[in-house]
Amino acid sequence: MARLTKRRQADTKAIQHLWAAIEIIRNQKQIANIDRITKYMSRVHGMHPKETTRQLSLAVKDGLIVETLTVGCKGSKAGIEQEGYWLPGDEISIKKKNTNKQEMSTYLRFIVSRMKERKVNEGKYRSYEEFKADAQLLLHNTVIFYGADSEQADIARMLYKDTCHELDELQLCKNCFYLSNARPDNWFCYPCIPNHELVWAKMKGFGFWPAKVLQKEDNQVDVRFFGHHHQRAWIPSENIQDITVNVHRLHVKRSMGWKKACDELELHQRFLREGRFWKSKNEDRGEEEAESSISSTSNEQLKVTQEPRAKKGRRNQSVEPKKEEPEPETEAVSSSQEIPTMPQPIEKVSVSTQTKKLSASSPRMLHRSTQTTSDGVCQSMCHDKYTKIFNDFKDRMKSDHKRETERVVREALEKLRSEMEEEKRQAVNKAVANMQGEMDRKCKQVKEKCKEEFVEEIKKLATQHKQLISQTKKKQWCYNCEEEAMYHCCWNTSYCSIKCQQEHWHAEHKRTCRRKR
């Protein structure tokens, strides 16, 4: 992974604002110094003066703003040199930056290390340790180049950890590793080499379930369950029962998932009885190459046995024009001719001449013809045999291709269905969230309105109560019956009627009355 190189350091948005500030200041016939630029950026864009100064220096380093010393010609700073900033031209010169040789070597070393990925495609790894060593070397180089605490180093550590885990799984059982990744139809039902032990395993909170034993460690057993998900778990050995144990003794709840798992177990056991193992395309290709090599070897042997017979013929037979590639039919007929005492040149005879000679052939020649015919029959049988083998292989390839196509289509449909369900679920959740938000907003508005009305009502009642109290205080009340008084007696005593006045006078008021007599 190549290191990311920063070509420019300044923020592009800040550069646009700085350009606008310099242009506006220059249009006012003023020098675009640091004070005017910082004031403009703070006033218009709300940028802090320190950030403006930093972005301005980065823009100067990037060559996007030109810094010069300018002498003021008017105002209080006339004749004083100031640092002014100018806009560059429309075209900026391109500078070639030479890379350090050591740094360039580091870059190239990473490119070469990346080429190690081709080893897997070209089949150059001889052991798992070589692949693990390359993954560890990748982690080492990443830590050296980016640092031990970098994000790239964390990603490399995760990659190395996953690689070690996958290699452990591969060394545990290569058949399970291949089938769990390729996932053909009924992939969990195919037996492995060697076969896994079949057991009833019980997880905490669940009943007994059919499973394969992958490994055992101390008092724990690593199993993979039959069923839809084919989950793995470490189960205590006391929760493991042999597969031959009767199901009725296990007290299993026969759910739909359990029944499907048992169906898969029965299919696996049937494959075991039939000796049906999974064969990958590489193994089929190896068998095809072996068959083709056997076929080519047998054909070469047949040609070797036929060539000496083809070289023998009669000089007085009618001769056909010589050809460099003789036909098999003509060669077979010529091999049935009588063997002369003297060797003759290689000649090919016509079928008609051979037919005439066959009628007058000797017993030795008949024996020779019978032997050649038997060789031809053997060759024909071999041809039929290998034709049948290749036809079977072709049919098997077609069925595998059809099954693979159906699997891909099924997976695509499932993926599309899951995506549609996910989109529908998200749409429903979004609609529910919108409705909930709208309801919350309405409830909040109603609560606020009710609260405002309640406050107004409280204020109104308080005002009325205050007015009533004020009116009550302004009235005079009967000292005897506490009704509104209309007859004044003395400084704090009044009466509503003469009757109350007489009753109160005789009872006590005549002793305390302050009215002048």
Protein backbone atom coordinates (compact mmCIF):
# COMPACT_ATOMS: atom_id res chain seq x y z
CA MET A 1 0.00 0.00 0.00
CA ALA A 2 1.67 3.20 -1.17
CA ARG A 3 2.00 6.13 1.19
CA LEU A 4 -0.41 9.01 0.63
CA THR A 5 1.44 12.12 -0.58
CA LYS A 6 0.04 15.61 0.13
CA ARG A 7 0.59 17.82 -2.89
CA ARG A 8 -0.90 20.94 -1.26
CA GLN A 9 -1.21 21.87 2.39
CA ALA A 10 -3.67 24.78 2.48
CA ASP A 11 -7.43 24.34 2.68
CA THR A 12 -9.02 24.88 -0.73
CA LYS A 13 -12.05 26.68 0.70
CA ALA A 14 -9.83 29.00 2.72
CA ILE A 15 -7.77 29.69 -0.44
CA GLN A 16 -10.90 30.83 -2.27
CA HIS A 17 -11.78 33.20 0.60
CA LEU A 18 -8.22 34.58 0.74
CA TRP A 19 -8.21 35.21 -3.01
CA ALA A 20 -11.49 37.12 -2.70
CA ALA A 21 -10.12 39.15 0.23
CA ILE A 22 -6.92 40.11 -1.64
CA GLU A 23 -8.87 41.02 -4.76
CA ILE A 24 -11.30 43.25 -2.84
CA ILE A 25 -8.47 45.00 -0.96
CA ARG A 26 -6.51 45.53 -4.19
CA ASN A 27 -9.61 46.98 -5.89
CA GLN A 28 -9.70 49.63 -3.16
CA LYS A 29 -6.17 50.74 -4.14
CA GLN A 30 -4.73 49.44 -0.88
CA ILE A 31 -1.91 47.06 -0.01
CA ALA A 32 -3.25 43.63 0.93
CA ASN A 33 -1.26 43.25 4.14
CA ILE A 34 -1.87 40.78 6.96
CA ASP A 35 -3.95 43.22 9.05
CA ARG A 36 -6.45 44.02 6.30
CA ILE A 37 -6.76 40.36 5.28
CA THR A 38 -7.37 39.13 8.85
CA LYS A 39 -9.98 41.86 9.45
CA TYR A 40 -11.80 40.94 6.24
CA MET A 41 -11.73 37.18 7.00
CA SER A 42 -12.91 37.74 10.56
CA ARG A 43 -15.70 40.10 9.48
CA VAL A 44 -17.00 38.20 6.44
CA HIS A 45 -16.21 34.52 7.13
CA GLY A 46 -15.75 34.49 10.91
CA MET A 47 -12.25 33.00 10.72
CA HIS A 48 -9.88 33.46 13.66
CA PRO A 49 -6.83 35.67 12.95
CA LYS A 50 -4.41 32.86 13.89
CA GLU A 51 -6.11 30.47 11.47
CA THR A 52 -6.05 33.16 8.77
CA THR A 53 -2.30 33.66 9.29
CA ARG A 54 -1.67 29.92 9.16
CA GLN A 55 -3.69 29.38 5.99
CA LEU A 56 -1.98 32.39 4.40
CA SER A 57 1.49 30.97 5.11
CA LEU A 58 0.47 27.55 3.75
CA ALA A 59 -0.91 29.19 0.61
CA VAL A 60 2.41 30.99 0.12
CA LYS A 61 4.26 27.66 0.49
CA ASP A 62 1.94 26.05 -2.06
CA GLY A 63 2.58 28.91 -4.48
CA LEU A 64 -1.09 29.91 -4.60
CA ILE A 65 -0.45 33.41 -3.16
CA VAL A 66 2.60 35.62 -3.81
CA GLU A 67 4.23 37.43 -0.87
CA THR A 68 6.23 40.63 -1.60
CA LEU A 69 7.63 43.67 0.18
CA THR A 70 5.73 46.80 -0.91
CA VAL A 71 6.40 50.46 -0.04
CA GLY A 72 3.35 52.51 0.89
CA CYS A 73 2.76 55.66 -1.19
CA LYS A 74 -0.04 57.38 0.76
CA GLY A 75 -1.55 57.63 4.19
CA SER A 76 0.18 57.26 7.54
CA LYS A 77 2.42 54.45 6.24
CA ALA A 78 3.77 56.28 3.21
CA GLY A 79 7.36 55.25 2.50
CA ILE A 80 7.23 52.31 4.93
CA GLU A 81 7.89 48.79 3.66
CA GLN A 82 5.03 46.39 4.27
CA GLU A 83 4.45 42.70 3.56
CA GLY A 84 1.89 42.62 0.80
CA TYR A 85 0.13 39.67 -0.81
CA TRP A 86 -0.73 39.34 -4.49
CA LEU A 87 -2.67 36.91 -6.59
CA PRO A 88 -0.55 34.74 -8.90
CA GLY A 89 -1.20 34.53 -12.61
CA ASP A 90 -3.62 32.15 -14.27
CA GLU A 91 -0.79 29.70 -15.02
CA ILE A 92 1.45 28.38 -12.25
CA SER A 93 4.81 26.92 -13.17
CA ILE A 94 5.20 23.19 -12.57
CA LYS A 95 8.24 22.26 -10.48
CA LYS A 96 9.75 18.81 -10.56
CA LYS A 97 10.37 17.43 -7.09
CA ASN A 98 13.13 14.87 -6.94
CA THR A 99 12.45 11.98 -4.58
CA ASN A 100 15.07 10.82 -2.13
CA LYS A 101 16.75 7.60 -3.27
CA GLN A 102 16.21 5.85 0.04
CA GLU A 103 12.54 6.86 0.09
CA MET A 104 12.14 5.75 -3.54
CA SER A 105 13.69 2.38 -2.67
CA THR A 106 11.14 1.99 0.10
CA TYR A 107 8.30 2.70 -2.33
CA LEU A 108 9.65 0.23 -4.87
CA ARG A 109 10.10 -2.41 -2.18
CA PHE A 110 6.41 -2.15 -1.39
CA ILE A 111 5.56 -2.60 -5.07
CA VAL A 112 7.74 -5.72 -5.24
CA SER A 113 6.19 -7.10 -2.05
CA ARG A 114 2.76 -6.65 -3.56
CA MET A 115 3.80 -8.93 -6.42
CA LYS A 116 3.85 -11.78 -3.88
CA GLU A 117 0.09 -11.94 -4.32
CA ARG A 118 0.73 -13.64 -7.64
CA LYS A 119 2.28 -16.61 -5.84
CA VAL A 120 -1.14 -17.88 -4.87
CA ASN A 121 -2.52 -17.62 -8.41
CA GLU A 122 0.57 -19.23 -9.89
CA GLY A 123 0.74 -21.97 -7.23
CA LYS A 124 4.24 -21.18 -6.01
CA TYR A 125 3.59 -21.80 -2.30
CA ARG A 126 4.94 -25.16 -1.16
CA SER A 127 3.63 -25.06 2.41
CA TYR A 128 1.27 -23.14 4.66
CA GLU A 129 4.24 -21.78 6.59
CA GLU A 130 5.46 -19.89 3.51
CA PHE A 131 2.10 -18.17 3.13
CA LYS A 132 2.00 -17.36 6.85
CA ALA A 133 5.57 -16.01 6.67
CA ASP A 134 4.62 -13.66 3.82
CA ALA A 135 1.63 -12.39 5.82
CA GLN A 136 3.90 -11.82 8.82
CA LEU A 137 6.41 -10.02 6.59
CA LEU A 138 3.60 -7.77 5.36
CA LEU A 139 2.73 -6.91 8.97
CA HIS A 140 6.39 -6.27 9.75
CA ASN A 141 6.85 -3.92 6.78
CA THR A 142 3.64 -2.05 7.60
CA VAL A 143 4.72 -1.48 11.22
CA ILE A 144 8.19 -0.35 10.11
CA PHE A 145 6.88 2.01 7.43
CA TYR A 146 3.79 3.51 9.08
CA GLY A 147 4.60 2.99 12.77
CA ALA A 148 3.31 0.57 15.40
CA ASP A 149 0.41 2.83 16.45
CA SER A 150 -0.83 3.75 12.96
CA GLU A 151 -4.16 2.83 11.43
CA GLN A 152 -2.44 0.84 8.68
CA ALA A 153 -0.60 -1.23 11.30
CA ASP A 154 -3.90 -2.06 13.02
CA ILE A 155 -5.37 -3.19 9.69
CA ALA A 156 -2.26 -5.32 9.01
CA ARG A 157 -2.56 -6.93 12.47
CA MET A 158 -6.20 -7.78 11.78
CA LEU A 159 -5.20 -9.25 8.40
CA TYR A 160 -2.45 -11.35 9.99
CA LYS A 161 -4.80 -12.54 12.73
CA ASP A 162 -7.44 -13.56 10.16
CA THR A 163 -4.77 -15.30 8.08
CA CYS A 164 -3.56 -17.35 11.06
CA HIS A 165 -7.16 -18.26 11.93
CA GLU A 166 -7.95 -19.37 8.39
CA LEU A 167 -4.73 -21.41 8.19
CA ASP A 168 -5.61 -23.13 11.47
CA GLU A 169 -9.03 -23.98 10.05
CA LEU A 170 -7.41 -25.26 6.85
CA GLN A 171 -5.00 -27.50 8.77
CA LEU A 172 -7.84 -28.75 10.95
CA CYS A 173 -9.79 -30.15 7.95
CA LYS A 174 -9.14 -29.14 4.38
CA ASN A 175 -12.45 -30.62 3.13
CA CYS A 176 -14.50 -28.62 5.64
CA PHE A 177 -12.50 -25.50 4.81
CA TYR A 178 -13.08 -25.86 1.06
CA LEU A 179 -16.76 -26.80 1.28
CA SER A 180 -17.61 -24.09 3.83
CA ASN A 181 -16.15 -21.46 1.48
CA ALA A 182 -17.32 -22.90 -1.89
CA ARG A 183 -20.74 -23.89 -0.47
CA PRO A 184 -22.11 -26.22 -3.16
CA ASP A 185 -25.51 -27.84 -2.70
CA ASN A 186 -25.64 -30.08 0.38
CA TRP A 187 -22.04 -29.14 1.16
CA PHE A 188 -22.29 -30.15 4.81
CA CYS A 189 -23.52 -33.64 3.89
CA TYR A 190 -20.38 -34.69 1.99
CA PRO A 191 -18.04 -36.86 4.10
CA CYS A 192 -14.53 -35.63 4.80
CA ILE A 193 -11.29 -37.57 4.58
CA PRO A 194 -10.91 -38.78 7.33
CA ASN A 195 -14.55 -38.89 8.43
CA HIS A 196 -15.69 -36.80 11.39
CA GLU A 197 -17.24 -38.47 14.39
CA LEU A 198 -21.02 -38.00 14.56
CA VAL A 199 -22.51 -37.18 17.97
CA TRP A 200 -25.49 -35.67 19.74
CA ALA A 201 -24.35 -32.38 21.30
CA LYS A 202 -26.25 -30.27 23.81
CA MET A 203 -25.67 -26.54 24.31
CA LYS A 204 -26.75 -24.69 27.43
CA GLY A 205 -30.41 -23.81 27.13
CA PHE A 206 -31.02 -26.14 24.14
CA GLY A 207 -31.69 -29.81 23.55
CA PHE A 208 -29.50 -32.45 21.93
CA TRP A 209 -28.65 -31.72 18.28
CA PRO A 210 -26.77 -33.78 15.65
CA ALA A 211 -23.24 -32.53 15.02
CA LYS A 212 -19.77 -33.36 13.66
CA VAL A 213 -16.75 -33.48 15.95
CA LEU A 214 -13.92 -31.30 14.61
CA GLN A 215 -11.42 -31.48 17.48
CA LYS A 216 -11.11 -32.31 21.17
CA GLU A 217 -9.16 -30.36 23.74
CA ASP A 218 -9.07 -31.35 27.43
CA ASN A 219 -12.69 -31.66 28.53
CA GLN A 220 -14.10 -29.61 25.64
CA VAL A 221 -15.25 -30.77 22.20
CA ASP A 222 -15.36 -28.50 19.13
CA VAL A 223 -18.45 -29.44 17.11
CA ARG A 224 -20.32 -28.10 14.11
CA PHE A 225 -24.07 -28.67 14.16
CA PHE A 226 -26.24 -29.96 11.36
CA GLY A 227 -29.03 -27.64 10.29
CA HIS A 228 -29.55 -24.40 8.45
CA HIS A 229 -26.78 -22.23 9.93
CA HIS A 230 -24.17 -24.97 10.71
CA GLN A 231 -22.98 -23.17 13.82
CA ARG A 232 -19.86 -24.15 15.75
CA ALA A 233 -19.41 -24.33 19.50
CA TRP A 234 -17.20 -25.75 22.25
CA ILE A 235 -19.31 -28.26 24.21
CA PRO A 236 -18.34 -29.96 27.50
CA SER A 237 -17.73 -33.67 27.03
CA GLU A 238 -20.51 -34.58 29.50
CA ASN A 239 -23.02 -32.97 27.09
CA ILE A 240 -21.92 -35.24 24.22
CA GLN A 241 -23.74 -38.48 23.34
CA ASP A 242 -22.90 -40.96 20.62
CA ILE A 243 -25.00 -40.80 17.48
CA THR A 244 -26.15 -44.40 18.03
CA VAL A 245 -28.05 -43.42 21.19
CA ASN A 246 -31.81 -43.69 20.76
CA VAL A 247 -33.53 -40.34 20.23
CA HIS A 248 -36.29 -41.19 22.71
CA ARG A 249 -33.75 -41.37 25.54
CA LEU A 250 -32.58 -37.82 24.79
CA HIS A 251 -36.03 -36.22 25.29
CA VAL A 252 -35.62 -33.92 22.29
CA LYS A 253 -38.15 -31.28 21.28
CA ARG A 254 -38.83 -32.11 17.63
CA SER A 255 -38.97 -28.65 16.07
CA MET A 256 -38.79 -27.86 12.36
CA GLY A 257 -35.12 -26.94 12.62
CA TRP A 258 -34.33 -30.18 14.44
CA LYS A 259 -36.13 -32.21 11.78
CA LYS A 260 -34.20 -30.46 9.00
CA ALA A 261 -30.95 -31.16 10.85
CA CYS A 262 -31.87 -34.86 11.15
CA ASP A 263 -32.70 -34.98 7.43
CA GLU A 264 -29.27 -33.54 6.70
CA LEU A 265 -27.72 -36.12 9.04
CA GLU A 266 -29.49 -38.95 7.17
CA LEU A 267 -28.23 -37.61 3.85
CA HIS A 268 -24.68 -37.46 5.26
CA GLN A 269 -24.95 -41.06 6.48
CA ARG A 270 -26.26 -42.16 3.07
CA PHE A 271 -23.27 -40.48 1.39
CA LEU A 272 -21.03 -42.36 3.84
CA ARG A 273 -22.60 -45.71 2.96
CA GLU A 274 -22.37 -45.01 -0.77
CA GLY A 275 -18.78 -43.73 -0.50
CA ARG A 276 -19.79 -40.49 -2.15
CA PHE A 277 -17.16 -37.80 -1.56
CA TRP A 278 -16.90 -34.29 -2.94
CA LYS A 279 -14.50 -33.88 -5.85
CA SER A 280 -13.31 -30.44 -6.76
CA LYS A 281 -12.67 -29.29 -10.31
CA ASN A 282 -8.91 -29.68 -9.81
CA GLU A 283 -9.34 -33.36 -8.98
CA ASP A 284 -11.61 -33.87 -12.01
CA ARG A 285 -9.04 -32.09 -14.14
CA GLY A 286 -6.35 -34.40 -12.75
CA GLU A 287 -8.44 -37.47 -13.66
CA GLU A 288 -9.05 -36.06 -17.12
CA GLU A 289 -5.32 -35.53 -17.64
CA ALA A 290 -4.60 -39.06 -16.43
CA GLU A 291 -7.20 -40.50 -18.80
CA SER A 292 -5.88 -38.47 -21.72
CA SER A 293 -2.33 -39.64 -20.96
CA ILE A 294 -3.50 -43.28 -20.86
CA SER A 295 -5.36 -42.81 -24.14
CA SER A 296 -2.36 -41.22 -25.85
CA THR A 297 -0.07 -43.97 -24.55
CA SER A 298 -2.36 -46.73 -25.85
CA ASN A 299 -2.65 -45.02 -29.24
CA GLU A 300 1.13 -44.75 -29.50
CA GLN A 301 1.50 -48.43 -28.67
CA LEU A 302 -1.05 -49.36 -31.32
CA LYS A 303 0.79 -47.28 -33.90
CA VAL A 304 4.09 -48.94 -33.00
CA THR A 305 2.59 -52.42 -33.50
CA GLN A 306 1.01 -51.41 -36.80
CA GLU A 307 3.99 -49.65 -38.38
CA PRO A 308 6.12 -52.79 -39.08
CA ARG A 309 3.16 -54.44 -40.77
CA ALA A 310 2.52 -51.42 -42.95
CA LYS A 311 6.07 -51.51 -44.27
CA LYS A 312 5.62 -55.01 -45.78
CA GLY A 313 3.92 -55.48 -49.12
CA ARG A 314 4.16 -57.14 -52.54
CA ARG A 315 6.04 -55.68 -55.41
CA ASN A 316 3.59 -56.99 -58.01
CA GLN A 317 0.55 -55.30 -56.44
CA SER A 318 -0.95 -52.18 -57.94
CA VAL A 319 0.66 -49.15 -56.32
CA GLU A 320 -1.23 -45.98 -55.33
CA PRO A 321 0.37 -42.52 -55.28
CA LYS A 322 2.49 -42.05 -52.15
CA LYS A 323 1.15 -39.81 -49.38
CA GLU A 324 2.93 -38.57 -46.31
CA GLU A 325 -0.11 -39.17 -44.03
CA PRO A 326 -1.54 -42.69 -44.63
CA GLU A 327 -5.16 -43.32 -43.70
CA PRO A 328 -5.92 -45.85 -40.94
CA GLU A 329 -8.23 -47.96 -43.17
CA THR A 330 -5.62 -48.42 -45.90
CA GLU A 331 -2.97 -49.14 -43.31
CA ALA A 332 -5.09 -51.82 -41.69
CA VAL A 333 -5.74 -53.60 -45.01
CA SER A 334 -2.11 -53.48 -46.08
CA SER A 335 -1.08 -55.06 -42.79
CA SER A 336 -3.04 -58.20 -43.71
CA GLN A 337 -0.89 -59.00 -46.79
CA GLU A 338 1.39 -61.98 -47.12
CA ILE A 339 4.87 -61.49 -45.72
CA PRO A 340 7.53 -61.97 -48.48
CA THR A 341 10.98 -63.40 -47.89
CA MET A 342 12.81 -60.22 -48.94
CA PRO A 343 12.11 -56.76 -47.48
CA GLN A 344 10.41 -54.44 -49.93
CA PRO A 345 10.03 -50.64 -50.03
CA ILE A 346 7.03 -49.04 -48.32
CA GLU A 347 4.10 -49.17 -50.72
CA LYS A 348 0.33 -48.76 -50.33
CA VAL A 349 -1.98 -51.03 -52.23
CA SER A 350 -5.54 -50.54 -53.34
CA VAL A 351 -8.51 -52.19 -51.68
CA SER A 352 -9.44 -54.14 -54.81
CA THR A 353 -6.03 -55.78 -55.11
CA GLN A 354 -6.09 -56.68 -51.44
CA THR A 355 -9.50 -58.30 -51.85
CA LYS A 356 -8.19 -60.49 -54.66
CA LYS A 357 -5.18 -61.53 -52.65
CA LEU A 358 -7.30 -62.37 -49.63
CA SER A 359 -9.08 -65.09 -51.57
CA ALA A 360 -5.79 -66.86 -52.37
CA SER A 361 -4.05 -66.29 -49.05
CA SER A 362 -2.32 -69.04 -47.13
CA PRO A 363 -3.31 -70.25 -43.62
CA ARG A 364 -0.46 -68.19 -42.20
CA MET A 365 -1.89 -65.11 -43.86
CA LEU A 366 -5.36 -65.93 -42.46
CA HIS A 367 -3.87 -66.17 -39.00
CA ARG A 368 -2.19 -62.82 -39.55
CA SER A 369 -5.49 -61.27 -40.67
CA THR A 370 -7.28 -62.65 -37.61
CA GLN A 371 -4.61 -61.18 -35.33
CA THR A 372 -4.90 -57.78 -37.01
CA THR A 373 -8.68 -57.90 -36.76
CA SER A 374 -8.47 -58.66 -33.05
CA ASP A 375 -6.12 -55.68 -32.62
CA GLY A 376 -8.61 -53.47 -34.41
CA VAL A 377 -11.43 -54.75 -32.20
CA CYS A 378 -9.30 -54.02 -29.12
CA GLN A 379 -8.60 -50.53 -30.41
CA SER A 380 -12.31 -50.03 -31.09
CA MET A 381 -13.17 -51.22 -27.57
CA CYS A 382 -10.60 -48.84 -26.06
CA HIS A 383 -11.98 -46.02 -28.17
CA ASP A 384 -15.53 -46.80 -27.02
CA LYS A 385 -14.35 -47.04 -23.42
CA TYR A 386 -12.65 -43.67 -23.39
CA THR A 387 -15.45 -42.11 -25.41
CA LYS A 388 -17.85 -43.25 -22.72
CA ILE A 389 -15.54 -41.91 -20.01
CA PHE A 390 -15.26 -38.51 -21.68
CA ASN A 391 -19.02 -38.41 -22.30
CA ASP A 392 -19.63 -39.15 -18.63
CA PHE A 393 -17.15 -36.46 -17.70
CA LYS A 394 -18.87 -34.04 -20.07
CA ASP A 395 -22.28 -34.85 -18.59
CA ARG A 396 -20.89 -34.42 -15.09
CA MET A 397 -19.41 -31.06 -16.05
CA LYS A 398 -22.76 -30.00 -17.52
CA SER A 399 -24.60 -31.04 -14.39
CA ASP A 400 -22.05 -29.25 -12.20
CA HIS A 401 -22.36 -26.14 -14.34
CA LYS A 402 -26.14 -26.31 -14.17
CA ARG A 403 -26.06 -26.81 -10.42
CA GLU A 404 -23.57 -23.97 -10.00
CA THR A 405 -25.72 -21.70 -12.17
CA GLU A 406 -28.82 -22.56 -10.15
CA ARG A 407 -26.92 -21.91 -6.94
CA VAL A 408 -25.69 -18.52 -8.18
CA VAL A 409 -29.19 -17.57 -9.33
CA ARG A 410 -30.66 -18.70 -6.02
CA GLU A 411 -28.08 -16.74 -4.06
CA ALA A 412 -28.70 -13.68 -6.24
CA LEU A 413 -32.45 -13.99 -5.66
CA GLU A 414 -31.95 -14.40 -1.92
CA LYS A 415 -29.62 -11.42 -1.86
CA LEU A 416 -32.10 -9.33 -3.88
CA ARG A 417 -34.94 -10.45 -1.62
CA SER A 418 -32.95 -9.59 1.49
CA GLU A 419 -32.04 -6.19 0.03
CA MET A 420 -35.69 -5.52 -0.78
CA GLU A 421 -36.72 -6.58 2.71
CA GLU A 422 -34.02 -4.35 4.17
CA GLU A 423 -35.15 -1.41 2.04
CA LYS A 424 -38.76 -2.01 3.02
CA ARG A 425 -37.81 -2.26 6.67
CA GLN A 426 -35.79 0.93 6.44
CA ALA A 427 -38.68 2.70 4.69
CA VAL A 428 -41.11 1.53 7.38
CA ASN A 429 -38.72 2.56 10.13
CA LYS A 430 -38.23 5.93 8.49
CA ALA A 431 -41.99 6.44 8.14
CA VAL A 432 -42.55 5.39 11.75
CA ALA A 433 -39.75 7.69 12.89
CA ASN A 434 -41.26 10.57 10.91
CA MET A 435 -44.70 9.91 12.34
CA GLN A 436 -43.27 9.63 15.83
CA GLY A 437 -41.37 12.88 15.37
CA GLU A 438 -44.51 14.59 14.06
CA MET A 439 -46.55 13.28 16.99
CA ASP A 440 -43.89 14.42 19.46
CA ARG A 441 -43.84 17.83 17.84
CA LYS A 442 -47.64 18.10 17.99
CA CYS A 443 -47.68 16.94 21.61
CA LYS A 444 -45.03 19.46 22.49
CA GLN A 445 -46.99 22.25 20.81
CA VAL A 446 -50.21 21.22 22.62
CA LYS A 447 -48.37 21.06 25.95
CA GLU A 448 -46.84 24.48 25.43
CA LYS A 449 -50.21 25.92 24.43
CA CYS A 450 -51.95 24.39 27.46
CA LYS A 451 -49.17 25.64 29.69
CA GLU A 452 -49.51 29.16 28.32
CA GLU A 453 -53.30 29.07 28.79
CA PHE A 454 -52.85 27.77 32.33
CA VAL A 455 -50.40 30.56 33.17
CA GLU A 456 -52.74 33.16 31.72
CA GLU A 457 -55.66 31.77 33.71
CA ILE A 458 -53.60 31.78 36.92
CA LYS A 459 -52.61 35.38 36.30
CA LYS A 460 -56.21 36.34 35.64
CA LEU A 461 -57.46 34.62 38.80
CA ALA A 462 -54.68 36.20 40.84
CA THR A 463 -55.67 39.65 39.57
CA GLN A 464 -59.33 39.02 40.38
CA HIS A 465 -58.42 37.73 43.82
CA LYS A 466 -56.28 40.78 44.47
CA GLN A 467 -59.11 43.08 43.41
CA LEU A 468 -61.57 41.27 45.66
CA ILE A 469 -59.19 41.54 48.59
CA SER A 470 -58.75 45.24 47.91
CA GLN A 471 -62.48 45.80 47.73
CA THR A 472 -62.99 43.80 50.90
CA LYS A 473 -60.41 45.84 52.75
CA LYS A 474 -62.13 49.07 51.79
CA LYS A 475 -65.43 48.03 53.44
CA GLN A 476 -66.50 48.15 57.12
CA TRP A 477 -67.87 45.10 58.86
CA CYS A 478 -70.20 44.50 61.74
CA TYR A 479 -68.30 43.79 64.94
CA ASN A 480 -71.04 41.48 66.18
CA CYS A 481 -72.14 39.37 63.16
CA GLU A 482 -69.36 40.25 60.66
CA GLU A 483 -71.79 41.47 58.01
CA GLU A 484 -71.22 44.69 56.08
CA ALA A 485 -71.69 47.56 58.53
CA MET A 486 -73.50 50.83 58.06
CA TYR A 487 -73.64 52.28 61.62
CA HIS A 488 -70.41 53.68 62.99
CA CYS A 489 -69.84 53.62 66.71
CA CYS A 490 -66.21 54.37 67.53
CA TRP A 491 -62.75 54.13 66.00
CA ASN A 492 -62.85 50.37 65.17
CA THR A 493 -66.42 49.39 65.81
CA SER A 494 -69.36 49.41 63.40
CA TYR A 495 -72.65 47.59 63.17
CA CYS A 496 -74.96 46.40 60.45
CA SER A 497 -78.12 47.08 62.45
CA ILE A 498 -79.35 48.60 65.68
CA LYS A 499 -80.04 45.14 67.05
CA CYS A 500 -76.40 44.10 66.75
CA GLN A 501 -75.33 47.40 68.29
CA GLN A 502 -77.57 46.89 71.34
CA GLU A 503 -76.47 43.28 71.81
CA HIS A 504 -72.79 44.13 71.60
CA TRP A 505 -73.22 47.26 73.75
CA HIS A 506 -74.78 45.43 76.64
CA ALA A 507 -72.40 42.51 76.31
CA GLU A 508 -69.04 44.23 76.42
CA HIS A 509 -68.67 47.33 74.29
CA LYS A 510 -70.00 49.79 76.89
CA ARG A 511 -66.90 49.14 78.97
CA THR A 512 -64.42 49.75 76.09
CA CYS A 513 -66.13 52.26 73.84
CA ARG A 514 -63.97 55.28 73.08
CA ARG A 515 -66.68 57.48 71.68
CA LYS A 516 -66.93 60.81 73.38
CA ARG A 517 -70.13 61.28 75.23
